[in-house]
Amino acid sequence: MKCGVVVFPGSNCDQDSIYVLEKGLKQGVVKLWHKGHVLQSTDFIILPGGFSSILKTIYA
């Protein structure tokens, strides 16, 4: 199975997701840039959560 993990600024979970998929579940993983349009024939896609510097600005 080929998994895609969306990577974007402000995310803090993309590398954790990649690690678990590769090492724990032994699955192929590709990084998908958030502005990209090519899904690289992935079977499923993970959109990891995280904190953004924008939130720090809003709540400062």
C-alpha atoms as a PDB file:
ATOM      1  CA  MET A   1       0.000   0.000   0.000  1.00  0.00           C
ATOM      2  CA  LYS A   2       1.266   3.478  -0.814  1.00  0.00           C
ATOM      3  CA  CYS A   3       0.443   6.185   1.737  1.00  0.00           C
ATOM      4  CA  GLY A   4       0.623   9.931   1.263  1.00  0.00           C
ATOM      5  CA  VAL A   5       1.272  12.346   4.126  1.00  0.00           C
ATOM      6  CA  VAL A   6       0.461  15.995   3.473  1.00  0.00           C
ATOM      7  CA  VAL A   7       3.281  18.302   4.572  1.00  0.00           C
ATOM      8  CA  PHE A   8       2.612  21.972   5.237  1.00  0.00           C
ATOM      9  CA  PRO A   9       4.066  24.826   7.305  1.00  0.00           C
ATOM     10  CA  GLY A  10       2.973  24.758  10.936  1.00  0.00           C
ATOM     11  CA  SER A  11       2.394  21.014  11.088  1.00  0.00           C
ATOM     12  CA  ASN A  12       4.067  19.152  13.908  1.00  0.00           C
ATOM     13  CA  CYS A  13       2.809  15.643  13.216  1.00  0.00           C
ATOM     14  CA  ASP A  14       3.844  14.887   9.640  1.00  0.00           C
ATOM     15  CA  GLN A  15       7.194  13.306  10.563  1.00  0.00           C
ATOM     16  CA  ASP A  16       5.541  11.251  13.326  1.00  0.00           C
ATOM     17  CA  SER A  17       2.972   9.960  10.839  1.00  0.00           C
ATOM     18  CA  ILE A  18       5.667   9.071   8.316  1.00  0.00           C
ATOM     19  CA  TYR A  19       7.676   7.235  10.969  1.00  0.00           C
ATOM     20  CA  VAL A  20       4.724   5.125  12.127  1.00  0.00           C
ATOM     21  CA  LEU A  21       3.687   4.240   8.584  1.00  0.00           C
ATOM     22  CA  GLU A  22       7.221   3.282   7.505  1.00  0.00           C
ATOM     23  CA  LYS A  23       8.645   1.648  10.631  1.00  0.00           C
ATOM     24  CA  GLY A  24       5.568   0.439  12.467  1.00  0.00           C
ATOM     25  CA  LEU A  25       3.260  -0.573   9.640  1.00  0.00           C
ATOM     26  CA  LYS A  26       5.953  -1.240   7.001  1.00  0.00           C
ATOM     27  CA  GLN A  27       4.126   0.785   4.343  1.00  0.00           C
ATOM     28  CA  GLY A  28       5.486   2.898   1.511  1.00  0.00           C
ATOM     29  CA  VAL A  29       5.147   6.622   2.164  1.00  0.00           C
ATOM     30  CA  VAL A  30       5.404   9.721   0.003  1.00  0.00           C
ATOM     31  CA  LYS A  31       5.377  13.297   1.226  1.00  0.00           C
ATOM     32  CA  LEU A  32       2.743  15.439  -0.483  1.00  0.00           C
ATOM     33  CA  TRP A  33       3.373  19.194  -0.405  1.00  0.00           C
ATOM     34  CA  HIS A  34       0.202  21.049   0.624  1.00  0.00           C
ATOM     35  CA  LYS A  35       0.171  23.140  -2.569  1.00  0.00           C
ATOM     36  CA  GLY A  36       0.875  20.187  -4.841  1.00  0.00           C
ATOM     37  CA  HIS A  37      -1.680  18.770  -7.251  1.00  0.00           C
ATOM     38  CA  VAL A  38      -0.207  15.320  -7.873  1.00  0.00           C
ATOM     39  CA  LEU A  39      -1.246  12.539  -5.488  1.00  0.00           C
ATOM     40  CA  GLN A  40       1.435  10.136  -6.791  1.00  0.00           C
ATOM     41  CA  SER A  41      -0.927   7.148  -7.034  1.00  0.00           C
ATOM     42  CA  THR A  42      -1.404   6.932  -3.267  1.00  0.00           C
ATOM     43  CA  ASP A  43      -3.946   4.504  -1.830  1.00  0.00           C
ATOM     44  CA  PHE A  44      -4.828   6.855   1.007  1.00  0.00           C
ATOM     45  CA  ILE A  45      -3.764  10.245   2.343  1.00  0.00           C
ATOM     46  CA  ILE A  46      -3.139  11.450   5.882  1.00  0.00           C
ATOM     47  CA  LEU A  47      -3.656  15.106   6.749  1.00  0.00           C
ATOM     48  CA  PRO A  48      -1.793  15.481  10.057  1.00  0.00           C
ATOM     49  CA  GLY A  49      -2.818  18.023  12.664  1.00  0.00           C
ATOM     50  CA  GLY A  50      -0.586  20.526  14.347  1.00  0.00           C
ATOM     51  CA  PHE A  51      -0.143  24.025  15.590  1.00  0.00           C
ATOM     52  CA  SER A  52       0.491  27.005  13.392  1.00  0.00           C
ATOM     53  CA  SER A  53       2.392  30.186  14.091  1.00  0.00           C
ATOM     54  CA  ILE A  54      -0.782  31.969  12.963  1.00  0.00           C
ATOM     55  CA  LEU A  55      -2.549  30.704  16.082  1.00  0.00           C
ATOM     56  CA  LYS A  56       0.235  32.127  18.228  1.00  0.00           C
ATOM     57  CA  THR A  57      -0.374  35.514  16.617  1.00  0.00           C
ATOM     58  CA  ILE A  58      -4.151  35.333  17.104  1.00  0.00           C
ATOM     59  CA  TYR A  59      -3.932  34.372  20.774  1.00  0.00           C
ATOM     60  CA  ALA A  60      -0.968  36.593  21.676  1.00  0.00           C
END
